[in-house]
């Protein structure tokens, strides 16, 4: 599932096996419950590993350059799809989960393209 992280103005991706809090301050099951049953819900998008490997993945929202956070396990599984220059610049749970200030600081220091959206970065 992809989700918008307002504090980071970026997107996160999570898989159902991730048990920690997301940068939204919610866990996967809470978020999944909001969007289950085919309900359209702003800021959330169901996806699959296969979809994430398509060249036009999330292109309308900035593509991979807009992805700022994902669990390490998922990041490793999608390593072949993530542009090489972005792989090390996408935060994971080792950087932070619910602490978006820490994640934002890390994204700026890592040189993630999203930093151009932050004032004074």
PDB file of N, CA and C in Angstrom:
ATOM      1  N   UNK A   1       0.835  -1.163   0.000  1.00  0.00           N
ATOM      2  CA  UNK A   1       0.000   0.000   0.000  1.00  0.00           C
ATOM      3  C   UNK A   1       0.891   1.240   0.000  1.00  0.00           C
ATOM      4  N   UNK A   2       0.514   2.209  -0.817  1.00  0.00           N
ATOM      5  CA  UNK A   2       1.187   3.507  -0.816  1.00  0.00           C
ATOM      6  C   UNK A   2       0.351   4.467   0.017  1.00  0.00           C
ATOM      7  N   UNK A   3       1.016   5.389   0.665  1.00  0.00           N
ATOM      8  CA  UNK A   3       0.301   6.365   1.477  1.00  0.00           C
ATOM      9  C   UNK A   3       1.052   7.687   1.470  1.00  0.00           C
ATOM     10  N   UNK A   4       0.286   8.759   1.538  1.00  0.00           N
ATOM     11  CA  UNK A   4       0.844  10.102   1.559  1.00  0.00           C
ATOM     12  C   UNK A   4       1.224  10.461   2.990  1.00  0.00           C
ATOM     13  N   UNK A   5       2.407  11.052   3.166  1.00  0.00           N
ATOM     14  CA  UNK A   5       2.892  11.480   4.477  1.00  0.00           C
ATOM     15  C   UNK A   5       2.930  13.011   4.459  1.00  0.00           C
ATOM     16  N   UNK A   6       1.885  13.660   4.982  1.00  0.00           N
ATOM     17  CA  UNK A   6       1.802  15.123   4.896  1.00  0.00           C
ATOM     18  C   UNK A   6       3.013  15.860   5.467  1.00  0.00           C
ATOM     19  N   UNK A   7       3.536  15.404   6.588  1.00  0.00           N
ATOM     20  CA  UNK A   7       4.674  16.091   7.212  1.00  0.00           C
ATOM     21  C   UNK A   7       5.935  16.049   6.352  1.00  0.00           C
ATOM     22  N   UNK A   8       6.001  15.091   5.437  1.00  0.00           N
ATOM     23  CA  UNK A   8       7.176  14.941   4.578  1.00  0.00           C
ATOM     24  C   UNK A   8       6.882  15.325   3.132  1.00  0.00           C
ATOM     25  N   UNK A   9       5.625  15.568   2.817  1.00  0.00           N
ATOM     26  CA  UNK A   9       5.166  15.829   1.458  1.00  0.00           C
ATOM     27  C   UNK A   9       5.681  14.759   0.500  1.00  0.00           C
ATOM     28  N   UNK A  10       5.712  13.540   0.980  1.00  0.00           N
ATOM     29  CA  UNK A  10       6.185  12.418   0.182  1.00  0.00           C
ATOM     30  C   UNK A  10       5.297  11.212   0.380  1.00  0.00           C
ATOM     31  N   UNK A  11       5.680  10.138  -0.264  1.00  0.00           N
ATOM     32  CA  UNK A  11       4.910   8.904  -0.208  1.00  0.00           C
ATOM     33  C   UNK A  11       5.687   7.808   0.499  1.00  0.00           C
ATOM     34  N   UNK A  12       4.965   6.970   1.176  1.00  0.00           N
ATOM     35  CA  UNK A  12       5.534   5.781   1.784  1.00  0.00           C
ATOM     36  C   UNK A  12       4.904   4.557   1.153  1.00  0.00           C
ATOM     37  N   UNK A  13       5.578   3.447   1.258  1.00  0.00           N
ATOM     38  CA  UNK A  13       5.040   2.164   0.804  1.00  0.00           C
ATOM     39  C   UNK A  13       5.219   1.189   1.949  1.00  0.00           C
ATOM     40  N   UNK A  14       4.218   0.366   2.191  1.00  0.00           N
ATOM     41  CA  UNK A  14       4.304  -0.615   3.270  1.00  0.00           C
ATOM     42  C   UNK A  14       3.664  -1.923   2.817  1.00  0.00           C
ATOM     43  N   UNK A  15       4.147  -3.017   3.375  1.00  0.00           N
ATOM     44  CA  UNK A  15       3.563  -4.333   3.115  1.00  0.00           C
ATOM     45  C   UNK A  15       2.845  -4.810   4.372  1.00  0.00           C
ATOM     46  N   UNK A  16       1.949  -5.760   4.195  1.00  0.00           N
ATOM     47  CA  UNK A  16       1.103  -6.190   5.308  1.00  0.00           C
ATOM     48  C   UNK A  16       1.862  -6.829   6.458  1.00  0.00           C
ATOM     49  N   UNK A  17       3.062  -7.280   6.261  1.00  0.00           N
ATOM     50  CA  UNK A  17       3.823  -7.914   7.326  1.00  0.00           C
ATOM     51  C   UNK A  17       4.507  -6.943   8.276  1.00  0.00           C
ATOM     52  N   UNK A  18       4.484  -5.663   7.964  1.00  0.00           N
ATOM     53  CA  UNK A  18       5.168  -4.663   8.792  1.00  0.00           C
ATOM     54  C   UNK A  18       4.330  -4.368  10.028  1.00  0.00           C
ATOM     55  N   UNK A  19       4.902  -4.550  11.203  1.00  0.00           N
ATOM     56  CA  UNK A  19       4.153  -4.443  12.462  1.00  0.00           C
ATOM     57  C   UNK A  19       4.364  -3.136  13.226  1.00  0.00           C
ATOM     58  N   UNK A  20       5.355  -2.355  12.864  1.00  0.00           N
ATOM     59  CA  UNK A  20       5.626  -1.105  13.581  1.00  0.00           C
ATOM     60  C   UNK A  20       4.705   0.009  13.083  1.00  0.00           C
ATOM     61  N   UNK A  21       4.766   1.156  13.749  1.00  0.00           N
ATOM     62  CA  UNK A  21       3.990   2.307  13.300  1.00  0.00           C
ATOM     63  C   UNK A  21       4.545   2.843  11.984  1.00  0.00           C
ATOM     64  N   UNK A  22       3.667   3.370  11.168  1.00  0.00           N
ATOM     65  CA  UNK A  22       4.064   4.040   9.938  1.00  0.00           C
ATOM     66  C   UNK A  22       4.359   5.503  10.264  1.00  0.00           C
ATOM     67  N   UNK A  23       4.999   6.232   9.372  1.00  0.00           N
ATOM     68  CA  UNK A  23       5.240   7.654   9.634  1.00  0.00           C
ATOM     69  C   UNK A  23       3.951   8.464   9.829  1.00  0.00           C
ATOM     70  N   UNK A  24       2.815   7.844   9.610  1.00  0.00           N
ATOM     71  CA  UNK A  24       1.526   8.494   9.855  1.00  0.00           C
ATOM     72  C   UNK A  24       1.118   8.396  11.316  1.00  0.00           C
ATOM     73  N   UNK A  25       1.857   7.586  12.095  1.00  0.00           N
ATOM     74  CA  UNK A  25       1.488   7.346  13.484  1.00  0.00           C
ATOM     75  C   UNK A  25       0.465   6.239  13.633  1.00  0.00           C
ATOM     76  N   UNK A  26       0.165   5.533  12.563  1.00  0.00           N
ATOM     77  CA  UNK A  26      -0.788   4.426  12.552  1.00  0.00           C
ATOM     78  C   UNK A  26      -0.070   3.148  12.157  1.00  0.00           C
ATOM     79  N   UNK A  27      -0.649   2.003  12.490  1.00  0.00           N
ATOM     80  CA  UNK A  27      -0.060   0.748  12.029  1.00  0.00           C
ATOM     81  C   UNK A  27      -0.758   0.291  10.746  1.00  0.00           C
ATOM     82  N   UNK A  28      -0.191  -0.735  10.111  1.00  0.00           N
ATOM     83  CA  UNK A  28      -0.712  -1.198   8.832  1.00  0.00           C
ATOM     84  C   UNK A  28      -2.169  -1.615   8.934  1.00  0.00           C
ATOM     85  N   UNK A  29      -2.519  -2.374   9.964  1.00  0.00           N
ATOM     86  CA  UNK A  29      -3.887  -2.890  10.041  1.00  0.00           C
ATOM     87  C   UNK A  29      -4.915  -1.762  10.164  1.00  0.00           C
ATOM     88  N   UNK A  30      -4.583  -0.696  10.857  1.00  0.00           N
ATOM     89  CA  UNK A  30      -5.497   0.445  10.968  1.00  0.00           C
ATOM     90  C   UNK A  30      -5.692   1.107   9.608  1.00  0.00           C
ATOM     91  N   UNK A  31      -4.602   1.332   8.910  1.00  0.00           N
ATOM     92  CA  UNK A  31      -4.679   1.958   7.589  1.00  0.00           C
ATOM     93  C   UNK A  31      -5.410   1.042   6.615  1.00  0.00           C
ATOM     94  N   UNK A  32      -5.090  -0.238   6.628  1.00  0.00           N
ATOM     95  CA  UNK A  32      -5.735  -1.186   5.723  1.00  0.00           C
ATOM     96  C   UNK A  32      -7.241  -1.241   5.983  1.00  0.00           C
ATOM     97  N   UNK A  33      -7.633  -1.147   7.232  1.00  0.00           N
ATOM     98  CA  UNK A  33      -9.048  -1.152   7.571  1.00  0.00           C
ATOM     99  C   UNK A  33      -9.797   0.038   6.998  1.00  0.00           C
ATOM    100  N   UNK A  34      -9.111   1.157   6.858  1.00  0.00           N
ATOM    101  CA  UNK A  34      -9.734   2.362   6.306  1.00  0.00           C
ATOM    102  C   UNK A  34      -9.969   2.248   4.812  1.00  0.00           C
ATOM    103  N   UNK A  35      -9.133   1.514   4.127  1.00  0.00           N
ATOM    104  CA  UNK A  35      -9.209   1.481   2.665  1.00  0.00           C
ATOM    105  C   UNK A  35      -9.646   0.127   2.116  1.00  0.00           C
ATOM    106  N   UNK A  36     -10.054  -0.779   2.976  1.00  0.00           N
ATOM    107  CA  UNK A  36     -10.446  -2.108   2.502  1.00  0.00           C
ATOM    108  C   UNK A  36     -11.818  -2.064   1.832  1.00  0.00           C
ATOM    109  N   UNK A  37     -12.115  -3.103   1.111  1.00  0.00           N
ATOM    110  CA  UNK A  37     -13.418  -3.208   0.465  1.00  0.00           C
ATOM    111  C   UNK A  37     -13.582  -2.325  -0.751  1.00  0.00           C
ATOM    112  N   UNK A  38     -12.479  -1.884  -1.329  1.00  0.00           N
ATOM    113  CA  UNK A  38     -12.551  -1.072  -2.540  1.00  0.00           C
ATOM    114  C   UNK A  38     -12.926   0.376  -2.304  1.00  0.00           C
ATOM    115  N   UNK A  39     -12.906   0.800  -1.053  1.00  0.00           N
ATOM    116  CA  UNK A  39     -13.258   2.181  -0.726  1.00  0.00           C
ATOM    117  C   UNK A  39     -12.132   3.120  -1.166  1.00  0.00           C
ATOM    118  N   UNK A  40     -12.484   4.192  -1.875  1.00  0.00           N
ATOM    119  CA  UNK A  40     -11.509   5.214  -2.252  1.00  0.00           C
ATOM    120  C   UNK A  40     -11.276   6.113  -1.047  1.00  0.00           C
ATOM    121  N   UNK A  41     -10.033   6.350  -0.708  1.00  0.00           N
ATOM    122  CA  UNK A  41      -9.706   7.147   0.471  1.00  0.00           C
ATOM    123  C   UNK A  41      -8.518   8.017   0.112  1.00  0.00           C
ATOM    124  N   UNK A  42      -8.682   9.325   0.151  1.00  0.00           N
ATOM    125  CA  UNK A  42      -7.601  10.245  -0.225  1.00  0.00           C
ATOM    126  C   UNK A  42      -6.320   9.944   0.535  1.00  0.00           C
ATOM    127  N   UNK A  43      -5.217   9.919  -0.193  1.00  0.00           N
ATOM    128  CA  UNK A  43      -3.909   9.731   0.422  1.00  0.00           C
ATOM    129  C   UNK A  43      -3.453   8.292   0.508  1.00  0.00           C
ATOM    130  N   UNK A  44      -4.269   7.355   0.044  1.00  0.00           N
ATOM    131  CA  UNK A  44      -3.919   5.932   0.113  1.00  0.00           C
ATOM    132  C   UNK A  44      -4.145   5.286  -1.246  1.00  0.00           C
ATOM    133  N   UNK A  45      -3.305   4.318  -1.571  1.00  0.00           N
ATOM    134  CA  UNK A  45      -3.416   3.633  -2.850  1.00  0.00           C
ATOM    135  C   UNK A  45      -2.940   2.195  -2.679  1.00  0.00           C
ATOM    136  N   UNK A  46      -3.811   1.262  -2.944  1.00  0.00           N
ATOM    137  CA  UNK A  46      -3.394  -0.134  -2.910  1.00  0.00           C
ATOM    138  C   UNK A  46      -2.416  -0.394  -4.041  1.00  0.00           C
ATOM    139  N   UNK A  47      -1.431  -1.223  -3.790  1.00  0.00           N
ATOM    140  CA  UNK A  47      -0.441  -1.527  -4.820  1.00  0.00           C
ATOM    141  C   UNK A  47       0.097  -2.931  -4.592  1.00  0.00           C
ATOM    142  N   UNK A  48       0.950  -3.377  -5.456  1.00  0.00           N
ATOM    143  CA  UNK A  48       1.564  -4.699  -5.339  1.00  0.00           C
ATOM    144  C   UNK A  48       3.037  -4.596  -5.710  1.00  0.00           C
ATOM    145  N   UNK A  49       3.777  -5.643  -5.410  1.00  0.00           N
ATOM    146  CA  UNK A  49       5.189  -5.664  -5.799  1.00  0.00           C
ATOM    147  C   UNK A  49       5.313  -5.564  -7.312  1.00  0.00           C
ATOM    148  N   UNK A  50       4.422  -6.227  -8.001  1.00  0.00           N
ATOM    149  CA  UNK A  50       4.458  -6.211  -9.464  1.00  0.00           C
ATOM    150  C   UNK A  50       4.223  -4.789  -9.995  1.00  0.00           C
ATOM    151  N   UNK A  51       3.242  -4.109  -9.442  1.00  0.00           N
ATOM    152  CA  UNK A  51       2.948  -2.740  -9.872  1.00  0.00           C
ATOM    153  C   UNK A  51       4.127  -1.814  -9.604  1.00  0.00           C
ATOM    154  N   UNK A  52       4.792  -1.995  -8.481  1.00  0.00           N
ATOM    155  CA  UNK A  52       5.931  -1.141  -8.124  1.00  0.00           C
ATOM    156  C   UNK A  52       7.100  -1.311  -9.093  1.00  0.00           C
ATOM    157  N   UNK A  53       7.084  -2.377  -9.854  1.00  0.00           N
ATOM    158  CA  UNK A  53       8.174  -2.624 -10.810  1.00  0.00           C
ATOM    159  C   UNK A  53       7.897  -2.052 -12.198  1.00  0.00           C
ATOM    160  N   UNK A  54       6.720  -1.496 -12.393  1.00  0.00           N
ATOM    161  CA  UNK A  54       6.361  -0.919 -13.684  1.00  0.00           C
ATOM    162  C   UNK A  54       7.028   0.455 -13.822  1.00  0.00           C
ATOM    163  N   UNK A  55       7.518   0.764 -15.018  1.00  0.00           N
ATOM    164  CA  UNK A  55       8.212   2.036 -15.254  1.00  0.00           C
ATOM    165  C   UNK A  55       7.384   3.260 -14.864  1.00  0.00           C
ATOM    166  N   UNK A  56       6.085   3.186 -15.019  1.00  0.00           N
ATOM    167  CA  UNK A  56       5.229   4.338 -14.734  1.00  0.00           C
ATOM    168  C   UNK A  56       4.668   4.325 -13.312  1.00  0.00           C
ATOM    169  N   UNK A  57       5.287   3.578 -12.411  1.00  0.00           N
ATOM    170  CA  UNK A  57       4.814   3.476 -11.032  1.00  0.00           C
ATOM    171  C   UNK A  57       4.702   4.852 -10.385  1.00  0.00           C
ATOM    172  N   UNK A  58       3.512   5.212  -9.945  1.00  0.00           N
ATOM    173  CA  UNK A  58       3.211   6.471  -9.244  1.00  0.00           C
ATOM    174  C   UNK A  58       3.699   7.700 -10.020  1.00  0.00           C
ATOM    175  N   UNK A  59       3.802   7.574 -11.327  1.00  0.00           N
ATOM    176  CA  UNK A  59       4.334   8.651 -12.161  1.00  0.00           C
ATOM    177  C   UNK A  59       3.565   9.963 -11.979  1.00  0.00           C
ATOM    178  N   UNK A  60       2.252   9.897 -11.835  1.00  0.00           N
ATOM    179  CA  UNK A  60       1.442  11.101 -11.674  1.00  0.00           C
ATOM    180  C   UNK A  60       1.733  11.859 -10.387  1.00  0.00           C
ATOM    181  N   UNK A  61       2.364  11.181  -9.433  1.00  0.00           N
ATOM    182  CA  UNK A  61       2.700  11.803  -8.147  1.00  0.00           C
ATOM    183  C   UNK A  61       4.195  12.031  -7.978  1.00  0.00           C
ATOM    184  N   UNK A  62       4.957  11.834  -9.038  1.00  0.00           N
ATOM    185  CA  UNK A  62       6.396  12.069  -8.962  1.00  0.00           C
ATOM    186  C   UNK A  62       7.239  10.814  -9.058  1.00  0.00           C
ATOM    187  N   UNK A  63       6.588   9.656  -9.172  1.00  0.00           N
ATOM    188  CA  UNK A  63       7.320   8.397  -9.318  1.00  0.00           C
ATOM    189  C   UNK A  63       8.194   8.084  -8.117  1.00  0.00           C
ATOM    190  N   UNK A  64       9.274   7.367  -8.358  1.00  0.00           N
ATOM    191  CA  UNK A  64      10.165   6.954  -7.269  1.00  0.00           C
ATOM    192  C   UNK A  64      10.787   8.140  -6.539  1.00  0.00           C
ATOM    193  N   UNK A  65      10.924   9.274  -7.196  1.00  0.00           N
ATOM    194  CA  UNK A  65      11.514  10.444  -6.525  1.00  0.00           C
ATOM    195  C   UNK A  65      10.611  10.986  -5.420  1.00  0.00           C
ATOM    196  N   UNK A  66       9.361  10.569  -5.396  1.00  0.00           N
ATOM    197  CA  UNK A  66       8.436  11.016  -4.353  1.00  0.00           C
ATOM    198  C   UNK A  66       8.338   9.999  -3.216  1.00  0.00           C
ATOM    199  N   UNK A  67       8.908   8.798  -3.400  1.00  0.00           N
ATOM    200  CA  UNK A  67       8.890   7.780  -2.347  1.00  0.00           C
ATOM    201  C   UNK A  67       9.974   8.133  -1.336  1.00  0.00           C
ATOM    202  N   UNK A  68       9.565   8.348  -0.080  1.00  0.00           N
ATOM    203  CA  UNK A  68      10.514   8.777   0.942  1.00  0.00           C
ATOM    204  C   UNK A  68      10.706   7.764   2.063  1.00  0.00           C
ATOM    205  N   UNK A  69       9.799   6.774   2.182  1.00  0.00           N
ATOM    206  CA  UNK A  69       9.891   5.831   3.306  1.00  0.00           C
ATOM    207  C   UNK A  69       9.293   4.487   2.919  1.00  0.00           C
ATOM    208  N   UNK A  70       9.954   3.429   3.350  1.00  0.00           N
ATOM    209  CA  UNK A  70       9.427   2.072   3.221  1.00  0.00           C
ATOM    210  C   UNK A  70      10.202   1.150   4.151  1.00  0.00           C
ATOM    211  N   UNK A  71       9.575   0.073   4.632  1.00  0.00           N
ATOM    212  CA  UNK A  71      10.294  -0.861   5.497  1.00  0.00           C
ATOM    213  C   UNK A  71      11.500  -1.454   4.766  1.00  0.00           C
ATOM    214  N   UNK A  72      12.544  -1.706   5.509  1.00  0.00           N
ATOM    215  CA  UNK A  72      13.787  -2.229   4.934  1.00  0.00           C
ATOM    216  C   UNK A  72      13.548  -3.518   4.151  1.00  0.00           C
ATOM    217  N   UNK A  73      12.729  -4.412   4.705  1.00  0.00           N
ATOM    218  CA  UNK A  73      12.448  -5.682   4.022  1.00  0.00           C
ATOM    219  C   UNK A  73      11.822  -5.443   2.650  1.00  0.00           C
ATOM    220  N   UNK A  74      10.878  -4.542   2.572  1.00  0.00           N
ATOM    221  CA  UNK A  74      10.222  -4.234   1.305  1.00  0.00           C
ATOM    222  C   UNK A  74      11.198  -3.552   0.350  1.00  0.00           C
ATOM    223  N   UNK A  75      12.006  -2.680   0.878  1.00  0.00           N
ATOM    224  CA  UNK A  75      13.019  -1.988   0.072  1.00  0.00           C
ATOM    225  C   UNK A  75      13.965  -2.999  -0.580  1.00  0.00           C
ATOM    226  N   UNK A  76      14.369  -3.999   0.185  1.00  0.00           N
ATOM    227  CA  UNK A  76      15.253  -5.037  -0.351  1.00  0.00           C
ATOM    228  C   UNK A  76      14.543  -5.858  -1.420  1.00  0.00           C
ATOM    229  N   UNK A  77      13.262  -6.151  -1.207  1.00  0.00           N
ATOM    230  CA  UNK A  77      12.498  -6.926  -2.188  1.00  0.00           C
ATOM    231  C   UNK A  77      12.291  -6.149  -3.485  1.00  0.00           C
ATOM    232  N   UNK A  78      12.265  -4.835  -3.402  1.00  0.00           N
ATOM    233  CA  UNK A  78      12.051  -3.993  -4.581  1.00  0.00           C
ATOM    234  C   UNK A  78      13.340  -3.355  -5.101  1.00  0.00           C
ATOM    235  N   UNK A  79      14.471  -3.821  -4.636  1.00  0.00           N
ATOM    236  CA  UNK A  79      15.762  -3.228  -5.017  1.00  0.00           C
ATOM    237  C   UNK A  79      15.946  -3.160  -6.530  1.00  0.00           C
ATOM    238  N   UNK A  80      15.430  -4.139  -7.248  1.00  0.00           N
ATOM    239  CA  UNK A  80      15.576  -4.152  -8.704  1.00  0.00           C
ATOM    240  C   UNK A  80      14.705  -3.099  -9.388  1.00  0.00           C
ATOM    241  N   UNK A  81      13.702  -2.576  -8.694  1.00  0.00           N
ATOM    242  CA  UNK A  81      12.796  -1.588  -9.278  1.00  0.00           C
ATOM    243  C   UNK A  81      13.152  -0.156  -8.889  1.00  0.00           C
ATOM    244  N   UNK A  82      13.767   0.008  -7.739  1.00  0.00           N
ATOM    245  CA  UNK A  82      14.103   1.346  -7.239  1.00  0.00           C
ATOM    246  C   UNK A  82      15.324   1.869  -8.001  1.00  0.00           C
ATOM    247  N   UNK A  83      15.234   3.074  -8.557  1.00  0.00           N
ATOM    248  CA  UNK A  83      16.406   3.623  -9.248  1.00  0.00           C
ATOM    249  C   UNK A  83      17.628   3.608  -8.323  1.00  0.00           C
ATOM    250  N   UNK A  84      18.737   3.165  -8.868  1.00  0.00           N
ATOM    251  CA  UNK A  84      19.967   2.986  -8.089  1.00  0.00           C
ATOM    252  C   UNK A  84      20.356   4.236  -7.299  1.00  0.00           C
ATOM    253  N   UNK A  85      20.192   5.416  -7.923  1.00  0.00           N
ATOM    254  CA  UNK A  85      20.589   6.654  -7.256  1.00  0.00           C
ATOM    255  C   UNK A  85      19.655   7.035  -6.099  1.00  0.00           C
ATOM    256  N   UNK A  86      18.497   6.390  -6.001  1.00  0.00           N
ATOM    257  CA  UNK A  86      17.550   6.692  -4.922  1.00  0.00           C
ATOM    258  C   UNK A  86      17.550   5.662  -3.806  1.00  0.00           C
ATOM    259  N   UNK A  87      18.002   4.468  -4.091  1.00  0.00           N
ATOM    260  CA  UNK A  87      17.872   3.366  -3.135  1.00  0.00           C
ATOM    261  C   UNK A  87      18.357   3.742  -1.730  1.00  0.00           C
ATOM    262  N   UNK A  88      19.551   4.251  -1.618  1.00  0.00           N
ATOM    263  CA  UNK A  88      20.123   4.588  -0.304  1.00  0.00           C
ATOM    264  C   UNK A  88      19.522   5.862   0.284  1.00  0.00           C
ATOM    265  N   UNK A  89      18.719   6.571  -0.492  1.00  0.00           N
ATOM    266  CA  UNK A  89      18.136   7.836  -0.028  1.00  0.00           C
ATOM    267  C   UNK A  89      16.689   7.692   0.433  1.00  0.00           C
ATOM    268  N   UNK A  90      16.141   6.487   0.357  1.00  0.00           N
ATOM    269  CA  UNK A  90      14.783   6.236   0.840  1.00  0.00           C
ATOM    270  C   UNK A  90      14.888   5.746   2.276  1.00  0.00           C
ATOM    271  N   UNK A  91      14.224   6.450   3.183  1.00  0.00           N
ATOM    272  CA  UNK A  91      14.279   6.110   4.608  1.00  0.00           C
ATOM    273  C   UNK A  91      13.540   4.801   4.883  1.00  0.00           C
ATOM    274  N   UNK A  92      13.933   4.150   5.972  1.00  0.00           N
ATOM    275  CA  UNK A  92      13.253   2.940   6.431  1.00  0.00           C
ATOM    276  C   UNK A  92      13.070   3.027   7.939  1.00  0.00           C
ATOM    277  N   UNK A  93      12.623   1.943   8.553  1.00  0.00           N
ATOM    278  CA  UNK A  93      12.342   1.972   9.992  1.00  0.00           C
ATOM    279  C   UNK A  93      13.584   2.188  10.841  1.00  0.00           C
ATOM    280  N   UNK A  94      14.770   1.953  10.289  1.00  0.00           N
ATOM    281  CA  UNK A  94      15.990   2.230  11.044  1.00  0.00           C
ATOM    282  C   UNK A  94      16.214   3.740  11.185  1.00  0.00           C
ATOM    283  N   UNK A  95      15.716   4.505  10.232  1.00  0.00           N
ATOM    284  CA  UNK A  95      15.794   5.966  10.296  1.00  0.00           C
ATOM    285  C   UNK A  95      14.717   6.488  11.239  1.00  0.00           C
ATOM    286  N   UNK A  96      13.538   5.909  11.152  1.00  0.00           N
ATOM    287  CA  UNK A  96      12.430   6.322  12.003  1.00  0.00           C
ATOM    288  C   UNK A  96      11.113   5.797  11.489  1.00  0.00           C
ATOM    289  N   UNK A  97      10.138   5.797  12.371  1.00  0.00           N
ATOM    290  CA  UNK A  97       8.791   5.412  11.956  1.00  0.00           C
ATOM    291  C   UNK A  97       7.845   6.593  12.179  1.00  0.00           C
ATOM    292  N   UNK A  98       7.429   6.813  13.399  1.00  0.00           N
ATOM    293  CA  UNK A  98       6.450   7.873  13.662  1.00  0.00           C
ATOM    294  C   UNK A  98       7.089   9.251  13.862  1.00  0.00           C
ATOM    295  N   UNK A  99       8.408   9.341  13.914  1.00  0.00           N
ATOM    296  CA  UNK A  99       9.088  10.627  14.118  1.00  0.00           C
ATOM    297  C   UNK A  99       9.426  11.253  12.764  1.00  0.00           C
ATOM    298  N   UNK A 100       8.462  11.983  12.213  1.00  0.00           N
ATOM    299  CA  UNK A 100       8.672  12.544  10.877  1.00  0.00           C
ATOM    300  C   UNK A 100       9.740  13.635  10.852  1.00  0.00           C
ATOM    301  N   UNK A 101       9.972  14.297  11.971  1.00  0.00           N
ATOM    302  CA  UNK A 101      11.045  15.303  12.005  1.00  0.00           C
ATOM    303  C   UNK A 101      12.406  14.646  11.780  1.00  0.00           C
ATOM    304  N   UNK A 102      12.621  13.502  12.426  1.00  0.00           N
ATOM    305  CA  UNK A 102      13.881  12.770  12.255  1.00  0.00           C
ATOM    306  C   UNK A 102      14.009  12.247  10.829  1.00  0.00           C
ATOM    307  N   UNK A 103      12.905  11.780  10.272  1.00  0.00           N
ATOM    308  CA  UNK A 103      12.936  11.271   8.897  1.00  0.00           C
ATOM    309  C   UNK A 103      13.247  12.412   7.929  1.00  0.00           C
ATOM    310  N   UNK A 104      12.597  13.548   8.119  1.00  0.00           N
ATOM    311  CA  UNK A 104      12.831  14.700   7.239  1.00  0.00           C
ATOM    312  C   UNK A 104      14.292  15.142   7.298  1.00  0.00           C
ATOM    313  N   UNK A 105      14.847  15.230   8.486  1.00  0.00           N
ATOM    314  CA  UNK A 105      16.254  15.611   8.647  1.00  0.00           C
ATOM    315  C   UNK A 105      17.151  14.626   7.899  1.00  0.00           C
ATOM    316  N   UNK A 106      16.860  13.339   8.030  1.00  0.00           N
ATOM    317  CA  UNK A 106      17.649  12.310   7.365  1.00  0.00           C
ATOM    318  C   UNK A 106      17.532  12.434   5.847  1.00  0.00           C
ATOM    319  N   UNK A 107      16.315  12.670   5.339  1.00  0.00           N
ATOM    320  CA  UNK A 107      16.112  12.808   3.892  1.00  0.00           C
ATOM    321  C   UNK A 107      16.932  13.967   3.334  1.00  0.00           C
ATOM    322  N   UNK A 108      16.968  15.071   4.064  1.00  0.00           N
ATOM    323  CA  UNK A 108      17.753  16.235   3.634  1.00  0.00           C
ATOM    324  C   UNK A 108      19.239  15.887   3.612  1.00  0.00           C
ATOM    325  N   UNK A 109      19.716  15.264   4.694  1.00  0.00           N
ATOM    326  CA  UNK A 109      21.132  14.884   4.777  1.00  0.00           C
ATOM    327  C   UNK A 109      21.510  13.847   3.727  1.00  0.00           C
ATOM    328  N   UNK A 110      20.572  12.951   3.398  1.00  0.00           N
ATOM    329  CA  UNK A 110      20.842  11.901   2.412  1.00  0.00           C
ATOM    330  C   UNK A 110      20.791  12.427   0.983  1.00  0.00           C
ATOM    331  N   UNK A 111      20.279  13.640   0.809  1.00  0.00           N
ATOM    332  CA  UNK A 111      20.191  14.214  -0.530  1.00  0.00           C
ATOM    333  C   UNK A 111      19.029  13.685  -1.349  1.00  0.00           C
ATOM    334  N   UNK A 112      17.956  13.264  -0.679  1.00  0.00           N
ATOM    335  CA  UNK A 112      16.774  12.781  -1.396  1.00  0.00           C
ATOM    336  C   UNK A 112      16.180  13.941  -2.205  1.00  0.00           C
ATOM    337  N   UNK A 113      15.708  13.694  -3.425  1.00  0.00           N
ATOM    338  CA  UNK A 113      15.138  14.769  -4.248  1.00  0.00           C
ATOM    339  C   UNK A 113      13.975  15.520  -3.582  1.00  0.00           C
ATOM    340  N   UNK A 114      13.306  14.915  -2.629  1.00  0.00           N
ATOM    341  CA  UNK A 114      12.178  15.564  -1.949  1.00  0.00           C
ATOM    342  C   UNK A 114      12.618  16.814  -1.196  1.00  0.00           C
ATOM    343  N   UNK A 115      13.901  16.905  -0.889  1.00  0.00           N
ATOM    344  CA  UNK A 115      14.376  18.055  -0.105  1.00  0.00           C
ATOM    345  C   UNK A 115      14.122  19.374  -0.820  1.00  0.00           C
ATOM    346  N   UNK A 116      13.994  19.336  -2.136  1.00  0.00           N
ATOM    347  CA  UNK A 116      13.712  20.572  -2.879  1.00  0.00           C
ATOM    348  C   UNK A 116      12.326  21.123  -2.545  1.00  0.00           C
ATOM    349  N   UNK A 117      11.465  20.308  -1.968  1.00  0.00           N
ATOM    350  CA  UNK A 117      10.124  20.748  -1.568  1.00  0.00           C
ATOM    351  C   UNK A 117      10.125  21.403  -0.186  1.00  0.00           C
ATOM    352  N   UNK A 118      11.215  21.250   0.543  1.00  0.00           N
ATOM    353  CA  UNK A 118      11.274  21.790   1.903  1.00  0.00           C
ATOM    354  C   UNK A 118      11.911  23.171   1.882  1.00  0.00           C
ATOM    355  N   UNK A 119      11.307  24.120   2.557  1.00  0.00           N
ATOM    356  CA  UNK A 119      11.863  25.474   2.635  1.00  0.00           C
ATOM    357  C   UNK A 119      13.229  25.459   3.304  1.00  0.00           C
ATOM    358  N   UNK A 120      14.152  26.166   2.745  1.00  0.00           N
ATOM    359  CA  UNK A 120      15.464  26.328   3.357  1.00  0.00           C
ATOM    360  C   UNK A 120      16.350  25.099   3.335  1.00  0.00           C
ATOM    361  N   UNK A 121      15.942  24.046   2.631  1.00  0.00           N
ATOM    362  CA  UNK A 121      16.769  22.829   2.608  1.00  0.00           C
ATOM    363  C   UNK A 121      17.897  22.965   1.617  1.00  0.00           C
TER     364      UNK A 121
END
